[in-house]
């Protein structure tokens, strides 16, 4: 599984990346998590508000820092 955190480096984007990485580590899910800060790559997802969480190419969460439960739901469905 590939999880991409879209964000330009703001505090909310960094917090989202850390939260997603923590959930993946704690749950033992086999996933690669990384941040995408290149605005030219971000616009390809047609996202108007950041941060966003992309799971295997599909935008699952956008515009806010998700809770642990929301992250688990997004990456296990």
PDB file of N, CA and C in Angstrom:
ATOM      1  N   UNK A   1       0.853  -1.170   0.000  1.00  0.00           N
ATOM      2  CA  UNK A   1       0.000   0.000   0.000  1.00  0.00           C
ATOM      3  C   UNK A   1       0.900   1.235   0.000  1.00  0.00           C
ATOM      4  N   UNK A   2       0.484   2.244  -0.743  1.00  0.00           N
ATOM      5  CA  UNK A   2       1.224   3.499  -0.807  1.00  0.00           C
ATOM      6  C   UNK A   2       0.336   4.614  -0.261  1.00  0.00           C
ATOM      7  N   UNK A   3       0.846   5.328   0.730  1.00  0.00           N
ATOM      8  CA  UNK A   3       0.113   6.432   1.330  1.00  0.00           C
ATOM      9  C   UNK A   3       0.934   7.697   1.126  1.00  0.00           C
ATOM     10  N   UNK A   4       0.311   8.691   0.519  1.00  0.00           N
ATOM     11  CA  UNK A   4       0.986   9.954   0.262  1.00  0.00           C
ATOM     12  C   UNK A   4       0.268  11.055   1.040  1.00  0.00           C
ATOM     13  N   UNK A   5       1.046  11.839   1.772  1.00  0.00           N
ATOM     14  CA  UNK A   5       0.497  13.005   2.452  1.00  0.00           C
ATOM     15  C   UNK A   5       0.815  14.209   1.580  1.00  0.00           C
ATOM     16  N   UNK A   6      -0.216  14.850   1.067  1.00  0.00           N
ATOM     17  CA  UNK A   6      -0.029  16.025   0.231  1.00  0.00           C
ATOM     18  C   UNK A   6      -0.033  17.259   1.116  1.00  0.00           C
ATOM     19  N   UNK A   7       0.999  18.080   0.979  1.00  0.00           N
ATOM     20  CA  UNK A   7       1.070  19.307   1.763  1.00  0.00           C
ATOM     21  C   UNK A   7       2.313  20.090   1.431  1.00  0.00           C
ATOM     22  N   UNK A   8       2.250  21.376   1.688  1.00  0.00           N
ATOM     23  CA  UNK A   8       3.351  22.261   1.322  1.00  0.00           C
ATOM     24  C   UNK A   8       4.355  22.470   2.446  1.00  0.00           C
ATOM     25  N   UNK A   9       4.198  21.780   3.546  1.00  0.00           N
ATOM     26  CA  UNK A   9       5.145  21.911   4.650  1.00  0.00           C
ATOM     27  C   UNK A   9       4.601  22.677   5.845  1.00  0.00           C
ATOM     28  N   UNK A  10       3.320  22.977   5.836  1.00  0.00           N
ATOM     29  CA  UNK A  10       2.711  23.691   6.958  1.00  0.00           C
ATOM     30  C   UNK A  10       2.604  22.773   8.180  1.00  0.00           C
ATOM     31  N   UNK A  11       2.269  23.346   9.317  1.00  0.00           N
ATOM     32  CA  UNK A  11       2.174  22.582  10.558  1.00  0.00           C
ATOM     33  C   UNK A  11       1.129  21.469  10.468  1.00  0.00           C
ATOM     34  N   UNK A  12      -0.024  21.751   9.857  1.00  0.00           N
ATOM     35  CA  UNK A  12      -1.072  20.736   9.738  1.00  0.00           C
ATOM     36  C   UNK A  12      -0.616  19.573   8.863  1.00  0.00           C
ATOM     37  N   UNK A  13       0.143  19.885   7.817  1.00  0.00           N
ATOM     38  CA  UNK A  13       0.641  18.844   6.926  1.00  0.00           C
ATOM     39  C   UNK A  13       1.642  17.948   7.643  1.00  0.00           C
ATOM     40  N   UNK A  14       2.528  18.558   8.416  1.00  0.00           N
ATOM     41  CA  UNK A  14       3.514  17.794   9.179  1.00  0.00           C
ATOM     42  C   UNK A  14       2.829  16.932  10.233  1.00  0.00           C
ATOM     43  N   UNK A  15       1.822  17.496  10.908  1.00  0.00           N
ATOM     44  CA  UNK A  15       1.078  16.749  11.929  1.00  0.00           C
ATOM     45  C   UNK A  15       0.354  15.562  11.298  1.00  0.00           C
ATOM     46  N   UNK A  16      -0.235  15.763  10.133  1.00  0.00           N
ATOM     47  CA  UNK A  16      -0.933  14.680   9.437  1.00  0.00           C
ATOM     48  C   UNK A  16       0.039  13.568   9.065  1.00  0.00           C
ATOM     49  N   UNK A  17       1.206  13.926   8.534  1.00  0.00           N
ATOM     50  CA  UNK A  17       2.209  12.927   8.180  1.00  0.00           C
ATOM     51  C   UNK A  17       2.604  12.106   9.408  1.00  0.00           C
ATOM     52  N   UNK A  18       2.895  12.777  10.520  1.00  0.00           N
ATOM     53  CA  UNK A  18       3.289  12.079  11.748  1.00  0.00           C
ATOM     54  C   UNK A  18       2.174  11.175  12.257  1.00  0.00           C
ATOM     55  N   UNK A  19       0.935  11.649  12.198  1.00  0.00           N
ATOM     56  CA  UNK A  19      -0.201  10.852  12.675  1.00  0.00           C
ATOM     57  C   UNK A  19      -0.398   9.603  11.828  1.00  0.00           C
ATOM     58  N   UNK A  20      -0.316   9.747  10.512  1.00  0.00           N
ATOM     59  CA  UNK A  20      -0.490   8.600   9.615  1.00  0.00           C
ATOM     60  C   UNK A  20       0.650   7.600   9.827  1.00  0.00           C
ATOM     61  N   UNK A  21       1.874   8.083   9.925  1.00  0.00           N
ATOM     62  CA  UNK A  21       3.016   7.197  10.135  1.00  0.00           C
ATOM     63  C   UNK A  21       2.864   6.426  11.444  1.00  0.00           C
ATOM     64  N   UNK A  22       2.395   7.093  12.485  1.00  0.00           N
ATOM     65  CA  UNK A  22       2.201   6.448  13.791  1.00  0.00           C
ATOM     66  C   UNK A  22       1.138   5.350  13.703  1.00  0.00           C
ATOM     67  N   UNK A  23       0.020   5.639  13.032  1.00  0.00           N
ATOM     68  CA  UNK A  23      -1.047   4.644  12.893  1.00  0.00           C
ATOM     69  C   UNK A  23      -0.542   3.433  12.117  1.00  0.00           C
ATOM     70  N   UNK A  24       0.186   3.664  11.035  1.00  0.00           N
ATOM     71  CA  UNK A  24       0.730   2.556  10.236  1.00  0.00           C
ATOM     72  C   UNK A  24       1.687   1.721  11.079  1.00  0.00           C
ATOM     73  N   UNK A  25       2.577   2.377  11.809  1.00  0.00           N
ATOM     74  CA  UNK A  25       3.543   1.649  12.643  1.00  0.00           C
ATOM     75  C   UNK A  25       2.857   0.840  13.743  1.00  0.00           C
ATOM     76  N   UNK A  26       1.885   1.452  14.416  1.00  0.00           N
ATOM     77  CA  UNK A  26       1.202   0.784  15.532  1.00  0.00           C
ATOM     78  C   UNK A  26       0.312  -0.361  15.079  1.00  0.00           C
ATOM     79  N   UNK A  27      -0.278  -0.239  13.900  1.00  0.00           N
ATOM     80  CA  UNK A  27      -1.223  -1.262  13.451  1.00  0.00           C
ATOM     81  C   UNK A  27      -0.550  -2.382  12.659  1.00  0.00           C
ATOM     82  N   UNK A  28       0.714  -2.187  12.305  1.00  0.00           N
ATOM     83  CA  UNK A  28       1.433  -3.221  11.571  1.00  0.00           C
ATOM     84  C   UNK A  28       1.022  -3.345  10.113  1.00  0.00           C
ATOM     85  N   UNK A  29       0.401  -2.320   9.582  1.00  0.00           N
ATOM     86  CA  UNK A  29      -0.024  -2.334   8.184  1.00  0.00           C
ATOM     87  C   UNK A  29       1.202  -2.191   7.297  1.00  0.00           C
ATOM     88  N   UNK A  30       1.254  -2.990   6.248  1.00  0.00           N
ATOM     89  CA  UNK A  30       2.372  -2.947   5.312  1.00  0.00           C
ATOM     90  C   UNK A  30       2.119  -1.812   4.328  1.00  0.00           C
ATOM     91  N   UNK A  31       2.716  -0.655   4.610  1.00  0.00           N
ATOM     92  CA  UNK A  31       2.487   0.517   3.771  1.00  0.00           C
ATOM     93  C   UNK A  31       3.723   1.392   3.736  1.00  0.00           C
ATOM     94  N   UNK A  32       3.888   2.074   2.632  1.00  0.00           N
ATOM     95  CA  UNK A  32       4.929   3.080   2.487  1.00  0.00           C
ATOM     96  C   UNK A  32       4.255   4.435   2.617  1.00  0.00           C
ATOM     97  N   UNK A  33       4.756   5.255   3.544  1.00  0.00           N
ATOM     98  CA  UNK A  33       4.179   6.578   3.781  1.00  0.00           C
ATOM     99  C   UNK A  33       5.219   7.624   3.416  1.00  0.00           C
ATOM    100  N   UNK A  34       4.820   8.577   2.589  1.00  0.00           N
ATOM    101  CA  UNK A  34       5.734   9.680   2.316  1.00  0.00           C
ATOM    102  C   UNK A  34       4.967  10.965   2.039  1.00  0.00           C
ATOM    103  N   UNK A  35       5.685  12.086   2.138  1.00  0.00           N
ATOM    104  CA  UNK A  35       5.095  13.399   1.914  1.00  0.00           C
ATOM    105  C   UNK A  35       5.391  13.867   0.509  1.00  0.00           C
ATOM    106  N   UNK A  36       4.420  14.533  -0.067  1.00  0.00           N
ATOM    107  CA  UNK A  36       4.608  15.174  -1.364  1.00  0.00           C
ATOM    108  C   UNK A  36       4.414  16.668  -1.146  1.00  0.00           C
ATOM    109  N   UNK A  37       5.506  17.439  -1.291  1.00  0.00           N
ATOM    110  CA  UNK A  37       5.438  18.876  -1.074  1.00  0.00           C
ATOM    111  C   UNK A  37       5.545  19.667  -2.367  1.00  0.00           C
ATOM    112  N   UNK A  38       5.766  18.997  -3.488  1.00  0.00           N
ATOM    113  CA  UNK A  38       5.894  19.670  -4.780  1.00  0.00           C
ATOM    114  C   UNK A  38       4.504  20.090  -5.268  1.00  0.00           C
ATOM    115  N   UNK A  39       4.287  21.389  -5.361  1.00  0.00           N
ATOM    116  CA  UNK A  39       2.966  21.900  -5.725  1.00  0.00           C
ATOM    117  C   UNK A  39       2.516  21.415  -7.106  1.00  0.00           C
ATOM    118  N   UNK A  40       3.443  21.200  -8.005  1.00  0.00           N
ATOM    119  CA  UNK A  40       3.073  20.700  -9.333  1.00  0.00           C
ATOM    120  C   UNK A  40       2.530  19.274  -9.268  1.00  0.00           C
ATOM    121  N   UNK A  41       3.033  18.478  -8.334  1.00  0.00           N
ATOM    122  CA  UNK A  41       2.500  17.121  -8.138  1.00  0.00           C
ATOM    123  C   UNK A  41       1.165  17.167  -7.401  1.00  0.00           C
ATOM    124  N   UNK A  42       1.057  18.055  -6.428  1.00  0.00           N
ATOM    125  CA  UNK A  42      -0.171  18.162  -5.631  1.00  0.00           C
ATOM    126  C   UNK A  42      -1.361  18.546  -6.507  1.00  0.00           C
ATOM    127  N   UNK A  43      -1.163  19.482  -7.432  1.00  0.00           N
ATOM    128  CA  UNK A  43      -2.294  19.935  -8.264  1.00  0.00           C
ATOM    129  C   UNK A  43      -2.837  18.823  -9.160  1.00  0.00           C
ATOM    130  N   UNK A  44      -2.065  17.806  -9.401  1.00  0.00           N
ATOM    131  CA  UNK A  44      -2.544  16.675 -10.207  1.00  0.00           C
ATOM    132  C   UNK A  44      -3.709  15.944  -9.539  1.00  0.00           C
ATOM    133  N   UNK A  45      -3.835  16.113  -8.222  1.00  0.00           N
ATOM    134  CA  UNK A  45      -4.909  15.443  -7.480  1.00  0.00           C
ATOM    135  C   UNK A  45      -6.172  16.302  -7.390  1.00  0.00           C
ATOM    136  N   UNK A  46      -6.163  17.506  -7.971  1.00  0.00           N
ATOM    137  CA  UNK A  46      -7.316  18.416  -7.933  1.00  0.00           C
ATOM    138  C   UNK A  46      -7.789  18.694  -6.513  1.00  0.00           C
ATOM    139  N   UNK A  47      -6.857  18.926  -5.624  1.00  0.00           N
ATOM    140  CA  UNK A  47      -7.158  19.218  -4.223  1.00  0.00           C
ATOM    141  C   UNK A  47      -7.123  20.729  -4.024  1.00  0.00           C
ATOM    142  N   UNK A  48      -8.154  21.269  -3.387  1.00  0.00           N
ATOM    143  CA  UNK A  48      -8.200  22.703  -3.135  1.00  0.00           C
ATOM    144  C   UNK A  48      -7.804  23.049  -1.703  1.00  0.00           C
ATOM    145  N   UNK A  49      -7.794  22.069  -0.808  1.00  0.00           N
ATOM    146  CA  UNK A  49      -7.428  22.334   0.580  1.00  0.00           C
ATOM    147  C   UNK A  49      -6.509  21.226   1.080  1.00  0.00           C
ATOM    148  N   UNK A  50      -5.495  21.648   1.800  1.00  0.00           N
ATOM    149  CA  UNK A  50      -4.493  20.718   2.328  1.00  0.00           C
ATOM    150  C   UNK A  50      -4.551  20.725   3.846  1.00  0.00           C
ATOM    151  N   UNK A  51      -4.070  19.701   4.499  1.00  0.00           N
ATOM    152  CA  UNK A  51      -3.406  18.514   3.978  1.00  0.00           C
ATOM    153  C   UNK A  51      -4.393  17.521   3.379  1.00  0.00           C
ATOM    154  N   UNK A  52      -3.852  16.565   2.643  1.00  0.00           N
ATOM    155  CA  UNK A  52      -4.676  15.504   2.068  1.00  0.00           C
ATOM    156  C   UNK A  52      -3.944  14.181   2.216  1.00  0.00           C
ATOM    157  N   UNK A  53      -4.719  13.116   2.356  1.00  0.00           N
ATOM    158  CA  UNK A  53      -4.170  11.765   2.473  1.00  0.00           C
ATOM    159  C   UNK A  53      -4.627  10.976   1.252  1.00  0.00           C
ATOM    160  N   UNK A  54      -3.657  10.466   0.508  1.00  0.00           N
ATOM    161  CA  UNK A  54      -3.936   9.691  -0.704  1.00  0.00           C
ATOM    162  C   UNK A  54      -3.507   8.250  -0.442  1.00  0.00           C
ATOM    163  N   UNK A  55      -4.426   7.319  -0.639  1.00  0.00           N
ATOM    164  CA  UNK A  55      -4.145   5.901  -0.420  1.00  0.00           C
ATOM    165  C   UNK A  55      -4.262   5.194  -1.765  1.00  0.00           C
ATOM    166  N   UNK A  56      -3.156   4.626  -2.210  1.00  0.00           N
ATOM    167  CA  UNK A  56      -3.102   3.923  -3.494  1.00  0.00           C
ATOM    168  C   UNK A  56      -3.735   4.738  -4.623  1.00  0.00           C
ATOM    169  N   UNK A  57      -3.398   6.027  -4.676  1.00  0.00           N
ATOM    170  CA  UNK A  57      -3.845   6.884  -5.758  1.00  0.00           C
ATOM    171  C   UNK A  57      -5.201   7.535  -5.577  1.00  0.00           C
ATOM    172  N   UNK A  58      -5.917   7.208  -4.499  1.00  0.00           N
ATOM    173  CA  UNK A  58      -7.251   7.751  -4.260  1.00  0.00           C
ATOM    174  C   UNK A  58      -7.229   8.683  -3.056  1.00  0.00           C
ATOM    175  N   UNK A  59      -7.735   9.902  -3.226  1.00  0.00           N
ATOM    176  CA  UNK A  59      -7.795  10.865  -2.125  1.00  0.00           C
ATOM    177  C   UNK A  59      -8.847  10.391  -1.133  1.00  0.00           C
ATOM    178  N   UNK A  60      -8.427  10.168   0.104  1.00  0.00           N
ATOM    179  CA  UNK A  60      -9.340   9.671   1.140  1.00  0.00           C
ATOM    180  C   UNK A  60      -9.732  10.752   2.140  1.00  0.00           C
ATOM    181  N   UNK A  61      -8.804  11.659   2.439  1.00  0.00           N
ATOM    182  CA  UNK A  61      -9.035  12.706   3.433  1.00  0.00           C
ATOM    183  C   UNK A  61      -8.441  13.988   2.870  1.00  0.00           C
ATOM    184  N   UNK A  62      -9.152  15.109   3.053  1.00  0.00           N
ATOM    185  CA  UNK A  62      -8.589  16.380   2.587  1.00  0.00           C
ATOM    186  C   UNK A  62      -9.086  17.539   3.434  1.00  0.00           C
ATOM    187  N   UNK A  63      -8.173  18.492   3.660  1.00  0.00           N
ATOM    188  CA  UNK A  63      -8.546  19.743   4.285  1.00  0.00           C
ATOM    189  C   UNK A  63      -8.424  19.850   5.796  1.00  0.00           C
ATOM    190  N   UNK A  64      -8.043  18.770   6.476  1.00  0.00           N
ATOM    191  CA  UNK A  64      -7.925  18.829   7.936  1.00  0.00           C
ATOM    192  C   UNK A  64      -7.006  17.713   8.429  1.00  0.00           C
ATOM    193  N   UNK A  65      -6.605  17.830   9.700  1.00  0.00           N
ATOM    194  CA  UNK A  65      -5.791  16.791  10.325  1.00  0.00           C
ATOM    195  C   UNK A  65      -6.741  15.702  10.827  1.00  0.00           C
ATOM    196  N   UNK A  66      -6.646  14.498  10.297  1.00  0.00           N
ATOM    197  CA  UNK A  66      -7.579  13.433  10.688  1.00  0.00           C
ATOM    198  C   UNK A  66      -7.246  12.830  12.053  1.00  0.00           C
ATOM    199  N   UNK A  67      -8.268  12.233  12.661  1.00  0.00           N
ATOM    200  CA  UNK A  67      -8.062  11.519  13.919  1.00  0.00           C
ATOM    201  C   UNK A  67      -7.491  10.131  13.610  1.00  0.00           C
ATOM    202  N   UNK A  68      -7.054   9.449  14.650  1.00  0.00           N
ATOM    203  CA  UNK A  68      -6.522   8.094  14.494  1.00  0.00           C
ATOM    204  C   UNK A  68      -7.573   7.178  13.868  1.00  0.00           C
ATOM    205  N   UNK A  69      -8.810   7.309  14.314  1.00  0.00           N
ATOM    206  CA  UNK A  69      -9.891   6.464  13.801  1.00  0.00           C
ATOM    207  C   UNK A  69     -10.162   6.735  12.321  1.00  0.00           C
ATOM    208  N   UNK A  70     -10.120   8.009  11.932  1.00  0.00           N
ATOM    209  CA  UNK A  70     -10.334   8.352  10.530  1.00  0.00           C
ATOM    210  C   UNK A  70      -9.209   7.819   9.642  1.00  0.00           C
ATOM    211  N   UNK A  71      -7.989   7.874  10.162  1.00  0.00           N
ATOM    212  CA  UNK A  71      -6.844   7.342   9.403  1.00  0.00           C
ATOM    213  C   UNK A  71      -6.993   5.842   9.222  1.00  0.00           C
ATOM    214  N   UNK A  72      -7.315   5.138  10.299  1.00  0.00           N
ATOM    215  CA  UNK A  72      -7.499   3.682  10.203  1.00  0.00           C
ATOM    216  C   UNK A  72      -8.587   3.331   9.204  1.00  0.00           C
ATOM    217  N   UNK A  73      -9.691   4.044   9.249  1.00  0.00           N
ATOM    218  CA  UNK A  73     -10.799   3.783   8.323  1.00  0.00           C
ATOM    219  C   UNK A  73     -10.347   4.012   6.880  1.00  0.00           C
ATOM    220  N   UNK A  74      -9.591   5.073   6.639  1.00  0.00           N
ATOM    221  CA  UNK A  74      -9.159   5.407   5.280  1.00  0.00           C
ATOM    222  C   UNK A  74      -8.179   4.395   4.723  1.00  0.00           C
ATOM    223  N   UNK A  75      -7.328   3.827   5.560  1.00  0.00           N
ATOM    224  CA  UNK A  75      -6.294   2.929   5.040  1.00  0.00           C
ATOM    225  C   UNK A  75      -6.678   1.454   5.113  1.00  0.00           C
ATOM    226  N   UNK A  76      -7.803   1.149   5.732  1.00  0.00           N
ATOM    227  CA  UNK A  76      -8.199  -0.252   5.802  1.00  0.00           C
ATOM    228  C   UNK A  76      -9.397  -0.571   4.919  1.00  0.00           C
ATOM    229  N   UNK A  77      -9.943   0.415   4.250  1.00  0.00           N
ATOM    230  CA  UNK A  77     -11.107   0.177   3.381  1.00  0.00           C
ATOM    231  C   UNK A  77     -10.652   0.179   1.931  1.00  0.00           C
TER     232      UNK A  77
END
